[in-house]
Amino acid sequence: MQPFKSGSAVWMAQATGAQPTLKGSQGNYTASVFVAVPAKRAWAVLVNYEAMAGVMPDIKEAKVIKRNGPVVELQQTYQAPYTFGRRIKAVLSMREQAPRQLNYELVRGDQIRTLKGSWSITPVAGGVIVRHQIQIDPVIPGFVRPLYYELSEANLRQSMAILKRLMEQG
């Protein structure tokens, strides 16, 4: 996959009238976006884990450590405004239910108490709804949390717009 400027992804989402939505607060969120592609295409992009490094605004490295059928162990390194410039490593256990559901949970990670969530792909007229539910609890001081949440919410919106563009690039 080709890297691209995130601003163009946001513009593309606005131009198609299908901006990502984000609900929730304080580390518990549901982000969703309409994507004009079949579920199979959306799924193929979603589970191309290693290709997301350098394309998503916060994922600097991604490596599949092992795969056992639908269970994948994935190592990712995050660096973004919400990490305050620090490189944060995490190992996630992913359970794929192709082509509609992906659940994940933190196995171990730097400065993260909780990280779990799910992705779902729901067919609708003209495409799919891609939904990401996430629960995250970082190890940071209380006085920094409001800024952390603000920055992570902006990152979630941007990531969903980029994911939409990647899926629609075909």
Protein backbone atom coordinates (compact mmCIF):
# COMPACT_ATOMS: atom_id res chain seq x y z
CA MET A 1 0.00 0.00 0.00
CA GLN A 2 1.15 3.49 -0.79
CA PRO A 3 1.61 6.07 1.97
CA PHE A 4 -0.51 9.18 1.58
CA LYS A 5 -1.19 12.39 3.38
CA SER A 6 -3.81 12.08 6.08
CA GLY A 7 -5.34 15.41 5.10
CA SER A 8 -6.32 13.94 1.74
CA ALA A 9 -7.99 11.01 3.53
CA VAL A 10 -10.07 13.42 5.60
CA TRP A 11 -10.96 15.39 2.47
CA MET A 12 -11.98 12.16 0.70
CA ALA A 13 -14.25 11.17 3.59
CA GLN A 14 -15.89 14.61 3.52
CA ALA A 15 -16.26 14.57 -0.26
CA THR A 16 -18.13 11.26 -0.22
CA GLY A 17 -20.42 12.50 2.54
CA ALA A 18 -19.42 9.67 4.82
CA GLN A 19 -17.29 11.13 7.57
CA PRO A 20 -16.25 8.84 10.40
CA THR A 21 -18.31 9.19 13.56
CA LEU A 22 -16.96 8.81 17.08
CA LYS A 23 -19.00 8.16 20.21
CA GLY A 24 -17.84 7.66 23.76
CA SER A 25 -15.35 9.25 26.11
CA GLN A 26 -12.41 8.70 28.43
CA GLY A 27 -10.92 5.68 26.69
CA ASN A 28 -14.14 3.90 25.71
CA TYR A 29 -15.06 4.63 22.10
CA THR A 30 -17.00 3.42 19.11
CA ALA A 31 -15.86 4.80 15.76
CA SER A 32 -17.70 3.96 12.55
CA VAL A 33 -17.68 4.87 8.89
CA PHE A 34 -19.53 3.88 5.72
CA VAL A 35 -17.27 2.40 3.04
CA ALA A 36 -18.50 1.82 -0.52
CA VAL A 37 -16.90 -1.62 -0.97
CA PRO A 38 -17.92 -5.26 -0.47
CA ALA A 39 -17.23 -6.85 2.93
CA LYS A 40 -14.52 -9.06 1.44
CA ARG A 41 -12.52 -6.02 0.26
CA ALA A 42 -12.93 -4.21 3.58
CA TRP A 43 -11.79 -7.33 5.44
CA ALA A 44 -8.70 -7.80 3.27
CA VAL A 45 -7.52 -4.27 4.08
CA LEU A 46 -8.38 -4.52 7.78
CA VAL A 47 -6.34 -7.70 8.34
CA ASN A 48 -3.33 -6.55 6.32
CA TYR A 49 -1.75 -5.71 9.68
CA GLU A 50 1.85 -5.12 8.63
CA ALA A 51 0.84 -2.78 5.80
CA MET A 52 -0.67 -0.36 8.34
CA ALA A 53 2.75 0.60 9.73
CA GLY A 54 3.60 4.06 8.46
CA VAL A 55 0.16 4.50 6.87
CA MET A 56 -1.89 4.92 10.03
CA PRO A 57 -0.93 8.07 11.91
CA ASP A 58 0.04 6.24 15.11
CA ILE A 59 1.35 2.83 13.97
CA LYS A 60 5.08 3.03 13.34
CA GLU A 61 5.79 -0.73 13.25
CA ALA A 62 3.60 -3.82 12.96
CA LYS A 63 4.66 -7.44 12.82
CA VAL A 64 2.70 -10.67 12.95
CA ILE A 65 4.55 -12.75 15.54
CA LYS A 66 2.54 -15.91 14.99
CA ARG A 67 -0.67 -17.16 13.46
CA ASN A 68 -2.68 -20.21 14.51
CA GLY A 69 -5.78 -20.36 12.31
CA PRO A 70 -8.00 -17.41 13.26
CA VAL A 71 -5.77 -16.38 16.18
CA VAL A 72 -3.00 -13.90 15.42
CA GLU A 73 -0.38 -12.48 17.77
CA LEU A 74 0.57 -9.01 16.56
CA GLN A 75 3.29 -6.68 17.82
CA GLN A 76 2.79 -2.98 17.18
CA THR A 77 4.75 0.15 18.03
CA TYR A 78 2.74 3.35 18.42
CA GLN A 79 4.07 6.90 18.28
CA ALA A 80 1.67 9.81 18.00
CA PRO A 81 0.65 13.02 19.73
CA TYR A 82 -1.37 10.93 22.24
CA THR A 83 1.84 9.03 23.20
CA PHE A 84 3.50 12.41 23.73
CA GLY A 85 6.19 11.44 21.22
CA ARG A 86 7.16 8.23 23.03
CA ARG A 87 7.36 4.89 21.22
CA ILE A 88 4.94 2.52 22.95
CA LYS A 89 5.10 -1.21 22.18
CA ALA A 90 2.22 -3.61 22.54
CA VAL A 91 1.54 -7.25 21.75
CA LEU A 92 -2.09 -8.00 20.88
CA SER A 93 -3.96 -11.25 20.57
CA MET A 94 -6.35 -11.00 17.63
CA ARG A 95 -9.22 -13.40 16.90
CA GLU A 96 -10.46 -13.19 13.31
CA GLN A 97 -13.96 -14.21 12.26
CA ALA A 98 -13.68 -13.51 8.53
CA PRO A 99 -15.06 -11.44 6.95
CA ARG A 100 -17.14 -9.75 9.61
CA GLN A 101 -15.55 -9.60 13.07
CA LEU A 102 -12.12 -9.10 14.63
CA ASN A 103 -11.61 -9.05 18.41
CA TYR A 104 -8.37 -8.07 20.09
CA GLU A 105 -6.87 -7.84 23.55
CA LEU A 106 -3.58 -6.70 25.01
CA VAL A 107 -1.17 -9.51 25.89
CA ARG A 108 1.56 -7.15 27.12
CA GLY A 109 2.58 -3.57 26.50
CA ASP A 110 4.50 -0.51 27.61
CA GLN A 111 2.54 2.03 29.62
CA ILE A 112 -0.85 0.39 28.89
CA ARG A 113 -3.10 -1.11 31.59
CA THR A 114 -5.95 -2.09 29.28
CA LEU A 115 -6.32 -2.28 25.51
CA LYS A 116 -9.09 -4.33 24.00
CA GLY A 117 -11.76 -3.98 21.42
CA SER A 118 -13.28 -5.21 18.23
CA TRP A 119 -13.75 -4.40 14.58
CA SER A 120 -16.93 -5.29 12.72
CA ILE A 121 -17.86 -5.10 9.06
CA THR A 122 -21.61 -4.95 8.42
CA PRO A 123 -22.97 -5.10 4.86
CA VAL A 124 -25.47 -2.36 4.01
CA ALA A 125 -26.90 -1.00 0.76
CA GLY A 126 -23.99 0.19 -1.40
CA GLY A 127 -21.17 -1.01 0.86
CA VAL A 128 -20.38 -1.73 4.49
CA ILE A 129 -20.28 -0.04 7.87
CA VAL A 130 -16.86 -0.49 9.47
CA ARG A 131 -17.07 -0.14 13.25
CA HIS A 132 -14.21 -0.06 15.75
CA GLN A 133 -14.94 -0.40 19.45
CA ILE A 134 -11.97 0.26 21.72
CA GLN A 135 -11.29 0.40 25.43
CA ILE A 136 -7.91 1.78 26.47
CA ASP A 137 -6.47 2.72 29.83
CA PRO A 138 -2.94 4.13 29.60
CA VAL A 139 -0.49 4.39 32.47
CA ILE A 140 -0.30 8.19 32.69
CA PRO A 141 -0.85 10.73 35.47
CA GLY A 142 -4.40 11.93 36.03
CA PHE A 143 -3.66 15.55 35.16
CA VAL A 144 -2.55 14.49 31.63
CA ARG A 145 -5.59 12.31 30.89
CA PRO A 146 -7.85 15.04 29.43
CA LEU A 147 -5.18 15.94 26.87
CA TYR A 148 -4.47 12.25 26.18
CA TYR A 149 -8.18 11.59 25.50
CA GLU A 150 -8.49 14.64 23.24
CA LEU A 151 -5.46 13.56 21.20
CA SER A 152 -6.51 9.90 21.00
CA GLU A 153 -10.01 10.88 19.83
CA ALA A 154 -8.52 12.99 17.02
CA ASN A 155 -6.29 10.04 16.08
CA LEU A 156 -9.28 7.64 15.98
CA ARG A 157 -11.19 9.94 13.62
CA GLN A 158 -8.16 10.36 11.37
CA SER A 159 -7.44 6.60 11.36
CA MET A 160 -11.00 5.75 10.36
CA ALA A 161 -10.85 8.25 7.46
CA ILE A 162 -7.56 6.73 6.29
CA LEU A 163 -8.93 3.20 6.59
CA LYS A 164 -11.94 4.19 4.49
CA ARG A 165 -9.68 5.58 1.80
CA LEU A 166 -7.47 2.47 1.79
CA MET A 167 -10.51 0.25 1.42
CA GLU A 168 -11.96 2.32 -1.40
CA GLN A 169 -8.69 2.60 -3.34
CA GLY A 170 -9.26 -0.88 -4.78
